[in-house]
Amino acid sequence: MEEISKTKKMILSALLLALSVVLSRFLSIKTPLLTISFNFVPIMISAILLGPKYTVIISGLSDLIRSNSISIWRIFYRIYYKCNSYGAYLWSCTL
């Protein structure tokens, strides 16, 4: 099996990272007791194709992005709807 170049590894890891975040955020099954997510699939593909170093980086960044994206979107959601309820523009709204 031939060796993958560093550029191809970086591009593939970025694509797998984005796929992991999308799968965990939008294609998860949420029940009152647990959440079933499919974000392990890109992580397993990266383990097979790229090795342990890239897999650890992809998995860690995926968790970091997911945890931050939830709180950031809630803040934007509150700002948008609070400003929109007053009929003001976003940049002229006082919170």
PDB file of N, CA and C in Angstrom:
ATOM      1  N   MET A   1       0.845  -1.180   0.000  1.00  0.00           N
ATOM      2  CA  MET A   1       0.000   0.000   0.000  1.00  0.00           C
ATOM      3  C   MET A   1       0.887   1.240   0.000  1.00  0.00           C
ATOM      4  N   GLU A   2       0.581   2.179  -0.877  1.00  0.00           N
ATOM      5  CA  GLU A   2       1.441   3.351  -0.986  1.00  0.00           C
ATOM      6  C   GLU A   2       1.135   4.375   0.099  1.00  0.00           C
ATOM      7  N   GLU A   3       2.113   5.159   0.412  1.00  0.00           N
ATOM      8  CA  GLU A   3       2.020   6.168   1.464  1.00  0.00           C
ATOM      9  C   GLU A   3       1.251   7.388   0.949  1.00  0.00           C
ATOM     10  N   ILE A   4       0.395   7.941   1.798  1.00  0.00           N
ATOM     11  CA  ILE A   4      -0.368   9.137   1.452  1.00  0.00           C
ATOM     12  C   ILE A   4       0.470  10.365   1.816  1.00  0.00           C
ATOM     13  N   SER A   5       0.506  11.356   0.927  1.00  0.00           N
ATOM     14  CA  SER A   5       1.305  12.550   1.197  1.00  0.00           C
ATOM     15  C   SER A   5       0.676  13.373   2.321  1.00  0.00           C
ATOM     16  N   LYS A   6       1.471  14.273   2.888  1.00  0.00           N
ATOM     17  CA  LYS A   6       0.985  15.105   3.995  1.00  0.00           C
ATOM     18  C   LYS A   6      -0.169  16.002   3.578  1.00  0.00           C
ATOM     19  N   THR A   7      -0.112  16.511   2.376  1.00  0.00           N
ATOM     20  CA  THR A   7      -1.182  17.378   1.895  1.00  0.00           C
ATOM     21  C   THR A   7      -2.494  16.619   1.794  1.00  0.00           C
ATOM     22  N   LYS A   8      -2.439  15.414   1.249  1.00  0.00           N
ATOM     23  CA  LYS A   8      -3.645  14.601   1.141  1.00  0.00           C
ATOM     24  C   LYS A   8      -4.162  14.198   2.516  1.00  0.00           C
ATOM     25  N   LYS A   9      -3.261  13.943   3.453  1.00  0.00           N
ATOM     26  CA  LYS A   9      -3.683  13.606   4.811  1.00  0.00           C
ATOM     27  C   LYS A   9      -4.382  14.780   5.478  1.00  0.00           C
ATOM     28  N   MET A  10      -3.852  15.987   5.285  1.00  0.00           N
ATOM     29  CA  MET A  10      -4.475  17.168   5.887  1.00  0.00           C
ATOM     30  C   MET A  10      -5.853  17.435   5.282  1.00  0.00           C
ATOM     31  N   ILE A  11      -5.972  17.300   3.973  1.00  0.00           N
ATOM     32  CA  ILE A  11      -7.259  17.528   3.317  1.00  0.00           C
ATOM     33  C   ILE A  11      -8.268  16.480   3.750  1.00  0.00           C
ATOM     34  N   LEU A  12      -7.845  15.231   3.793  1.00  0.00           N
ATOM     35  CA  LEU A  12      -8.738  14.148   4.214  1.00  0.00           C
ATOM     36  C   LEU A  12      -9.139  14.302   5.676  1.00  0.00           C
ATOM     37  N   SER A  13      -8.215  14.728   6.519  1.00  0.00           N
ATOM     38  CA  SER A  13      -8.561  14.922   7.922  1.00  0.00           C
ATOM     39  C   SER A  13      -9.520  16.094   8.106  1.00  0.00           C
ATOM     40  N   ALA A  14      -9.383  17.151   7.314  1.00  0.00           N
ATOM     41  CA  ALA A  14     -10.324  18.275   7.398  1.00  0.00           C
ATOM     42  C   ALA A  14     -11.715  17.851   6.943  1.00  0.00           C
ATOM     43  N   LEU A  15     -11.791  17.067   5.891  1.00  0.00           N
ATOM     44  CA  LEU A  15     -13.092  16.576   5.427  1.00  0.00           C
ATOM     45  C   LEU A  15     -13.732  15.640   6.443  1.00  0.00           C
ATOM     46  N   LEU A  16     -12.944  14.763   7.037  1.00  0.00           N
ATOM     47  CA  LEU A  16     -13.480  13.850   8.038  1.00  0.00           C
ATOM     48  C   LEU A  16     -13.887  14.596   9.310  1.00  0.00           C
ATOM     49  N   LEU A  17     -13.164  15.637   9.666  1.00  0.00           N
ATOM     50  CA  LEU A  17     -13.539  16.465  10.817  1.00  0.00           C
ATOM     51  C   LEU A  17     -14.875  17.156  10.569  1.00  0.00           C
ATOM     52  N   ALA A  18     -15.042  17.739   9.396  1.00  0.00           N
ATOM     53  CA  ALA A  18     -16.308  18.397   9.068  1.00  0.00           C
ATOM     54  C   ALA A  18     -17.451  17.391   9.036  1.00  0.00           C
ATOM     55  N   LEU A  19     -17.200  16.222   8.493  1.00  0.00           N
ATOM     56  CA  LEU A  19     -18.227  15.187   8.448  1.00  0.00           C
ATOM     57  C   LEU A  19     -18.595  14.711   9.840  1.00  0.00           C
ATOM     58  N   SER A  20     -17.631  14.609  10.716  1.00  0.00           N
ATOM     59  CA  SER A  20     -17.896  14.198  12.092  1.00  0.00           C
ATOM     60  C   SER A  20     -18.762  15.211  12.822  1.00  0.00           C
ATOM     61  N   VAL A  21     -18.481  16.499  12.632  1.00  0.00           N
ATOM     62  CA  VAL A  21     -19.275  17.539  13.283  1.00  0.00           C
ATOM     63  C   VAL A  21     -20.697  17.552  12.731  1.00  0.00           C
ATOM     64  N   VAL A  22     -20.840  17.422  11.431  1.00  0.00           N
ATOM     65  CA  VAL A  22     -22.169  17.423  10.817  1.00  0.00           C
ATOM     66  C   VAL A  22     -22.967  16.204  11.262  1.00  0.00           C
ATOM     67  N   LEU A  23     -22.339  15.043  11.278  1.00  0.00           N
ATOM     68  CA  LEU A  23     -23.051  13.840  11.701  1.00  0.00           C
ATOM     69  C   LEU A  23     -23.478  13.914  13.155  1.00  0.00           C
ATOM     70  N   SER A  24     -22.652  14.472  13.998  1.00  0.00           N
ATOM     71  CA  SER A  24     -23.013  14.546  15.410  1.00  0.00           C
ATOM     72  C   SER A  24     -24.041  15.620  15.689  1.00  0.00           C
ATOM     73  N   ARG A  25     -24.051  16.657  14.885  1.00  0.00           N
ATOM     74  CA  ARG A  25     -24.965  17.777  15.140  1.00  0.00           C
ATOM     75  C   ARG A  25     -26.334  17.580  14.502  1.00  0.00           C
ATOM     76  N   PHE A  26     -26.372  17.122  13.270  1.00  0.00           N
ATOM     77  CA  PHE A  26     -27.625  17.091  12.532  1.00  0.00           C
ATOM     78  C   PHE A  26     -28.208  15.700  12.336  1.00  0.00           C
ATOM     79  N   LEU A  27     -27.397  14.683  12.377  1.00  0.00           N
ATOM     80  CA  LEU A  27     -27.906  13.329  12.154  1.00  0.00           C
ATOM     81  C   LEU A  27     -27.779  12.477  13.414  1.00  0.00           C
ATOM     82  N   SER A  28     -28.281  12.977  14.502  1.00  0.00           N
ATOM     83  CA  SER A  28     -28.256  12.217  15.739  1.00  0.00           C
ATOM     84  C   SER A  28     -29.687  11.972  16.198  1.00  0.00           C
ATOM     85  N   ILE A  29     -29.877  10.866  16.863  1.00  0.00           N
ATOM     86  CA  ILE A  29     -31.186  10.487  17.379  1.00  0.00           C
ATOM     87  C   ILE A  29     -31.199  10.809  18.863  1.00  0.00           C
ATOM     88  N   LYS A  30     -32.081  11.716  19.246  1.00  0.00           N
ATOM     89  CA  LYS A  30     -32.118  12.165  20.643  1.00  0.00           C
ATOM     90  C   LYS A  30     -33.354  11.592  21.324  1.00  0.00           C
ATOM     91  N   THR A  31     -33.144  10.896  22.408  1.00  0.00           N
ATOM     92  CA  THR A  31     -34.222  10.384  23.239  1.00  0.00           C
ATOM     93  C   THR A  31     -34.098  11.045  24.608  1.00  0.00           C
ATOM     94  N   PRO A  32     -35.108  10.897  25.463  1.00  0.00           N
ATOM     95  CA  PRO A  32     -34.982  11.518  26.794  1.00  0.00           C
ATOM     96  C   PRO A  32     -33.833  10.950  27.628  1.00  0.00           C
ATOM     97  N   LEU A  33     -33.431   9.739  27.354  1.00  0.00           N
ATOM     98  CA  LEU A  33     -32.375   9.129  28.164  1.00  0.00           C
ATOM     99  C   LEU A  33     -30.988   9.217  27.552  1.00  0.00           C
ATOM    100  N   LEU A  34     -30.893   9.167  26.222  1.00  0.00           N
ATOM    101  CA  LEU A  34     -29.576   9.164  25.596  1.00  0.00           C
ATOM    102  C   LEU A  34     -29.643   9.761  24.202  1.00  0.00           C
ATOM    103  N   THR A  35     -28.486  10.011  23.659  1.00  0.00           N
ATOM    104  CA  THR A  35     -28.360  10.509  22.295  1.00  0.00           C
ATOM    105  C   THR A  35     -27.512   9.534  21.501  1.00  0.00           C
ATOM    106  N   ILE A  36     -28.038   9.109  20.372  1.00  0.00           N
ATOM    107  CA  ILE A  36     -27.312   8.193  19.496  1.00  0.00           C
ATOM    108  C   ILE A  36     -26.782   9.011  18.336  1.00  0.00           C
ATOM    109  N   SER A  37     -25.469   9.036  18.207  1.00  0.00           N
ATOM    110  CA  SER A  37     -24.834   9.835  17.174  1.00  0.00           C
ATOM    111  C   SER A  37     -23.964   8.941  16.300  1.00  0.00           C
ATOM    112  N   PHE A  38     -23.767   9.374  15.072  1.00  0.00           N
ATOM    113  CA  PHE A  38     -22.968   8.599  14.130  1.00  0.00           C
ATOM    114  C   PHE A  38     -21.633   9.268  13.835  1.00  0.00           C
ATOM    115  N   ASN A  39     -21.134  10.063  14.759  1.00  0.00           N
ATOM    116  CA  ASN A  39     -19.871  10.741  14.500  1.00  0.00           C
ATOM    117  C   ASN A  39     -18.659   9.829  14.660  1.00  0.00           C
ATOM    118  N   PHE A  40     -18.872   8.602  15.098  1.00  0.00           N
ATOM    119  CA  PHE A  40     -17.758   7.669  15.207  1.00  0.00           C
ATOM    120  C   PHE A  40     -17.329   7.139  13.847  1.00  0.00           C
ATOM    121  N   VAL A  41     -18.193   7.214  12.848  1.00  0.00           N
ATOM    122  CA  VAL A  41     -17.874   6.656  11.529  1.00  0.00           C
ATOM    123  C   VAL A  41     -16.684   7.376  10.888  1.00  0.00           C
ATOM    124  N   PRO A  42     -16.666   8.718  10.793  1.00  0.00           N
ATOM    125  CA  PRO A  42     -15.481   9.374  10.234  1.00  0.00           C
ATOM    126  C   PRO A  42     -14.228   9.181  11.086  1.00  0.00           C
ATOM    127  N   ILE A  43     -14.413   9.032  12.388  1.00  0.00           N
ATOM    128  CA  ILE A  43     -13.259   8.813  13.261  1.00  0.00           C
ATOM    129  C   ILE A  43     -12.658   7.434  13.003  1.00  0.00           C
ATOM    130  N   MET A  44     -13.504   6.441  12.786  1.00  0.00           N
ATOM    131  CA  MET A  44     -12.993   5.108  12.471  1.00  0.00           C
ATOM    132  C   MET A  44     -12.344   5.069  11.090  1.00  0.00           C
ATOM    133  N   ILE A  45     -12.910   5.805  10.151  1.00  0.00           N
ATOM    134  CA  ILE A  45     -12.291   5.875   8.820  1.00  0.00           C
ATOM    135  C   ILE A  45     -10.921   6.542   8.909  1.00  0.00           C
ATOM    136  N   SER A  46     -10.818   7.583   9.729  1.00  0.00           N
ATOM    137  CA  SER A  46      -9.512   8.230   9.887  1.00  0.00           C
ATOM    138  C   SER A  46      -8.516   7.308  10.585  1.00  0.00           C
ATOM    139  N   ALA A  47      -8.996   6.467  11.494  1.00  0.00           N
ATOM    140  CA  ALA A  47      -8.088   5.523  12.153  1.00  0.00           C
ATOM    141  C   ALA A  47      -7.548   4.511  11.158  1.00  0.00           C
ATOM    142  N   ILE A  48      -8.387   4.090  10.233  1.00  0.00           N
ATOM    143  CA  ILE A  48      -7.941   3.109   9.243  1.00  0.00           C
ATOM    144  C   ILE A  48      -7.008   3.736   8.214  1.00  0.00           C
ATOM    145  N   LEU A  49      -7.379   4.924   7.724  1.00  0.00           N
ATOM    146  CA  LEU A  49      -6.630   5.520   6.629  1.00  0.00           C
ATOM    147  C   LEU A  49      -5.431   6.363   7.057  1.00  0.00           C
ATOM    148  N   LEU A  50      -5.553   7.072   8.175  1.00  0.00           N
ATOM    149  CA  LEU A  50      -4.545   8.069   8.516  1.00  0.00           C
ATOM    150  C   LEU A  50      -3.632   7.705   9.686  1.00  0.00           C
ATOM    151  N   GLY A  51      -4.097   6.830  10.563  1.00  0.00           N
ATOM    152  CA  GLY A  51      -3.271   6.446  11.698  1.00  0.00           C
ATOM    153  C   GLY A  51      -3.711   7.118  12.984  1.00  0.00           C
ATOM    154  N   PRO A  52      -3.045   6.751  14.093  1.00  0.00           N
ATOM    155  CA  PRO A  52      -3.504   7.214  15.403  1.00  0.00           C
ATOM    156  C   PRO A  52      -3.295   8.704  15.666  1.00  0.00           C
ATOM    157  N   LYS A  53      -2.230   9.285  15.137  1.00  0.00           N
ATOM    158  CA  LYS A  53      -1.945  10.695  15.409  1.00  0.00           C
ATOM    159  C   LYS A  53      -3.045  11.596  14.837  1.00  0.00           C
ATOM    160  N   TYR A  54      -3.397  11.391  13.595  1.00  0.00           N
ATOM    161  CA  TYR A  54      -4.447  12.192  12.977  1.00  0.00           C
ATOM    162  C   TYR A  54      -5.814  11.884  13.588  1.00  0.00           C
ATOM    163  N   THR A  55      -6.037  10.659  14.001  1.00  0.00           N
ATOM    164  CA  THR A  55      -7.317  10.293  14.601  1.00  0.00           C
ATOM    165  C   THR A  55      -7.532  11.000  15.929  1.00  0.00           C
ATOM    166  N   VAL A  56      -6.492  11.087  16.736  1.00  0.00           N
ATOM    167  CA  VAL A  56      -6.598  11.797  18.014  1.00  0.00           C
ATOM    168  C   VAL A  56      -6.882  13.281  17.774  1.00  0.00           C
ATOM    169  N   ILE A  57      -6.231  13.858  16.797  1.00  0.00           N
ATOM    170  CA  ILE A  57      -6.443  15.274  16.484  1.00  0.00           C
ATOM    171  C   ILE A  57      -7.864  15.507  15.977  1.00  0.00           C
ATOM    172  N   ILE A  58      -8.338  14.648  15.083  1.00  0.00           N
ATOM    173  CA  ILE A  58      -9.687  14.788  14.537  1.00  0.00           C
ATOM    174  C   ILE A  58     -10.733  14.613  15.627  1.00  0.00           C
ATOM    175  N   SER A  59     -10.562  13.626  16.468  1.00  0.00           N
ATOM    176  CA  SER A  59     -11.526  13.369  17.534  1.00  0.00           C
ATOM    177  C   SER A  59     -11.559  14.513  18.543  1.00  0.00           C
ATOM    178  N   GLY A  60     -10.403  15.018  18.920  1.00  0.00           N
ATOM    179  CA  GLY A  60     -10.342  16.123  19.874  1.00  0.00           C
ATOM    180  C   GLY A  60     -10.934  17.406  19.318  1.00  0.00           C
ATOM    181  N   LEU A  61     -10.592  17.729  18.080  1.00  0.00           N
ATOM    182  CA  LEU A  61     -11.148  18.940  17.471  1.00  0.00           C
ATOM    183  C   LEU A  61     -12.652  18.822  17.246  1.00  0.00           C
ATOM    184  N   SER A  62     -13.106  17.626  16.929  1.00  0.00           N
ATOM    185  CA  SER A  62     -14.543  17.413  16.746  1.00  0.00           C
ATOM    186  C   SER A  62     -15.302  17.676  18.038  1.00  0.00           C
ATOM    187  N   ASP A  63     -14.799  17.161  19.145  1.00  0.00           N
ATOM    188  CA  ASP A  63     -15.443  17.413  20.437  1.00  0.00           C
ATOM    189  C   ASP A  63     -15.384  18.892  20.815  1.00  0.00           C
ATOM    190  N   LEU A  64     -14.261  19.536  20.545  1.00  0.00           N
ATOM    191  CA  LEU A  64     -14.111  20.951  20.862  1.00  0.00           C
ATOM    192  C   LEU A  64     -15.065  21.819  20.046  1.00  0.00           C
ATOM    193  N   ILE A  65     -15.167  21.553  18.766  1.00  0.00           N
ATOM    194  CA  ILE A  65     -16.056  22.329  17.902  1.00  0.00           C
ATOM    195  C   ILE A  65     -17.512  22.101  18.284  1.00  0.00           C
ATOM    196  N   ARG A  66     -17.865  20.860  18.563  1.00  0.00           N
ATOM    197  CA  ARG A  66     -19.248  20.567  18.938  1.00  0.00           C
ATOM    198  C   ARG A  66     -19.632  21.250  20.235  1.00  0.00           C
ATOM    199  N   SER A  67     -18.771  21.220  21.216  1.00  0.00           N
ATOM    200  CA  SER A  67     -19.119  21.821  22.506  1.00  0.00           C
ATOM    201  C   SER A  67     -19.227  23.326  22.407  1.00  0.00           C
ATOM    202  N   ASN A  68     -18.383  23.966  21.613  1.00  0.00           N
ATOM    203  CA  ASN A  68     -18.448  25.420  21.463  1.00  0.00           C
ATOM    204  C   ASN A  68     -19.567  25.852  20.543  1.00  0.00           C
ATOM    205  N   SER A  69     -19.869  25.062  19.527  1.00  0.00           N
ATOM    206  CA  SER A  69     -20.867  25.498  18.559  1.00  0.00           C
ATOM    207  C   SER A  69     -22.258  25.549  19.166  1.00  0.00           C
ATOM    208  N   ILE A  70     -22.541  24.709  20.124  1.00  0.00           N
ATOM    209  CA  ILE A  70     -23.865  24.710  20.740  1.00  0.00           C
ATOM    210  C   ILE A  70     -24.078  26.016  21.504  1.00  0.00           C
ATOM    211  N   SER A  71     -23.126  26.421  22.301  1.00  0.00           N
ATOM    212  CA  SER A  71     -23.296  27.639  23.084  1.00  0.00           C
ATOM    213  C   SER A  71     -23.254  28.889  22.214  1.00  0.00           C
ATOM    214  N   ILE A  72     -22.439  28.909  21.180  1.00  0.00           N
ATOM    215  CA  ILE A  72     -22.359  30.064  20.300  1.00  0.00           C
ATOM    216  C   ILE A  72     -23.682  30.255  19.557  1.00  0.00           C
ATOM    217  N   TRP A  73     -24.269  29.167  19.072  1.00  0.00           N
ATOM    218  CA  TRP A  73     -25.532  29.290  18.342  1.00  0.00           C
ATOM    219  C   TRP A  73     -26.666  29.716  19.260  1.00  0.00           C
ATOM    220  N   ARG A  74     -26.645  29.318  20.520  1.00  0.00           N
ATOM    221  CA  ARG A  74     -27.668  29.779  21.456  1.00  0.00           C
ATOM    222  C   ARG A  74     -27.559  31.279  21.695  1.00  0.00           C
ATOM    223  N   ILE A  75     -26.338  31.780  21.772  1.00  0.00           N
ATOM    224  CA  ILE A  75     -26.144  33.216  21.956  1.00  0.00           C
ATOM    225  C   ILE A  75     -26.654  33.977  20.737  1.00  0.00           C
ATOM    226  N   PHE A  76     -26.295  33.528  19.535  1.00  0.00           N
ATOM    227  CA  PHE A  76     -26.773  34.186  18.322  1.00  0.00           C
ATOM    228  C   PHE A  76     -28.289  34.116  18.214  1.00  0.00           C
ATOM    229  N   TYR A  77     -28.860  33.005  18.614  1.00  0.00           N
ATOM    230  CA  TYR A  77     -30.304  32.823  18.576  1.00  0.00           C
ATOM    231  C   TYR A  77     -30.997  33.838  19.484  1.00  0.00           C
ATOM    232  N   ARG A  78     -30.481  34.000  20.689  1.00  0.00           N
ATOM    233  CA  ARG A  78     -31.069  34.967  21.626  1.00  0.00           C
ATOM    234  C   ARG A  78     -30.922  36.406  21.123  1.00  0.00           C
ATOM    235  N   ILE A  79     -29.762  36.747  20.621  1.00  0.00           N
ATOM    236  CA  ILE A  79     -29.547  38.104  20.115  1.00  0.00           C
ATOM    237  C   ILE A  79     -30.475  38.387  18.949  1.00  0.00           C
ATOM    238  N   TYR A  80     -30.585  37.460  18.033  1.00  0.00           N
ATOM    239  CA  TYR A  80     -31.402  37.668  16.842  1.00  0.00           C
ATOM    240  C   TYR A  80     -32.865  37.854  17.210  1.00  0.00           C
ATOM    241  N   TYR A  81     -33.400  36.964  18.037  1.00  0.00           N
ATOM    242  CA  TYR A  81     -34.818  37.053  18.338  1.00  0.00           C
ATOM    243  C   TYR A  81     -35.158  38.192  19.291  1.00  0.00           C
ATOM    244  N   LYS A  82     -34.241  38.555  20.166  1.00  0.00           N
ATOM    245  CA  LYS A  82     -34.500  39.702  21.028  1.00  0.00           C
ATOM    246  C   LYS A  82     -34.499  40.983  20.204  1.00  0.00           C
ATOM    247  N   CYS A  83     -33.551  41.129  19.306  1.00  0.00           N
ATOM    248  CA  CYS A  83     -33.501  42.321  18.464  1.00  0.00           C
ATOM    249  C   CYS A  83     -34.633  42.320  17.454  1.00  0.00           C
ATOM    250  N   ASN A  84     -34.973  41.171  16.940  1.00  0.00           N
ATOM    251  CA  ASN A  84     -36.016  41.086  15.937  1.00  0.00           C
ATOM    252  C   ASN A  84     -37.395  41.355  16.538  1.00  0.00           C
ATOM    253  N   SER A  85     -37.589  41.039  17.819  1.00  0.00           N
ATOM    254  CA  SER A  85     -38.886  41.273  18.438  1.00  0.00           C
ATOM    255  C   SER A  85     -39.148  42.767  18.639  1.00  0.00           C
ATOM    256  N   TYR A  86     -38.096  43.563  18.763  1.00  0.00           N
ATOM    257  CA  TYR A  86     -38.250  45.005  18.893  1.00  0.00           C
ATOM    258  C   TYR A  86     -38.302  45.703  17.533  1.00  0.00           C
ATOM    259  N   GLY A  87     -38.073  44.972  16.476  1.00  0.00           N
ATOM    260  CA  GLY A  87     -38.079  45.572  15.148  1.00  0.00           C
ATOM    261  C   GLY A  87     -36.839  46.386  14.863  1.00  0.00           C
ATOM    262  N   ALA A  88     -35.771  46.127  15.595  1.00  0.00           N
ATOM    263  CA  ALA A  88     -34.537  46.893  15.421  1.00  0.00           C
ATOM    264  C   ALA A  88     -33.553  46.092  14.584  1.00  0.00           C
ATOM    265  N   TYR A  89     -32.613  46.783  14.023  1.00  0.00           N
ATOM    266  CA  TYR A  89     -31.539  46.112  13.318  1.00  0.00           C
ATOM    267  C   TYR A  89     -30.584  45.504  14.333  1.00  0.00           C
ATOM    268  N   LEU A  90     -29.887  44.488  13.915  1.00  0.00           N
ATOM    269  CA  LEU A  90     -29.002  43.768  14.816  1.00  0.00           C
ATOM    270  C   LEU A  90     -27.915  44.662  15.389  1.00  0.00           C
ATOM    271  N   TRP A  91     -27.356  45.561  14.571  1.00  0.00           N
ATOM    272  CA  TRP A  91     -26.262  46.389  15.046  1.00  0.00           C
ATOM    273  C   TRP A  91     -26.732  47.564  15.899  1.00  0.00           C
ATOM    274  N   SER A  92     -28.027  47.867  15.902  1.00  0.00           N
ATOM    275  CA  SER A  92     -28.503  48.971  16.724  1.00  0.00           C
ATOM    276  C   SER A  92     -29.291  48.487  17.942  1.00  0.00           C
ATOM    277  N   CYS A  93     -29.303  47.187  18.164  1.00  0.00           N
ATOM    278  CA  CYS A  93     -30.076  46.628  19.266  1.00  0.00           C
ATOM    279  C   CYS A  93     -29.276  46.688  20.549  1.00  0.00           C
ATOM    280  N   THR A  94     -29.917  47.074  21.652  1.00  0.00           N
ATOM    281  CA  THR A  94     -29.288  47.053  22.962  1.00  0.00           C
ATOM    282  C   THR A  94     -29.832  45.871  23.732  1.00  0.00           C
ATOM    283  N   LEU A  95     -28.958  45.093  24.258  1.00  0.00           N
ATOM    284  CA  LEU A  95     -29.383  43.901  25.008  1.00  0.00           C
ATOM    285  C   LEU A  95     -29.450  44.254  26.446  1.00  0.00           C
TER     286      LEU A  95
END
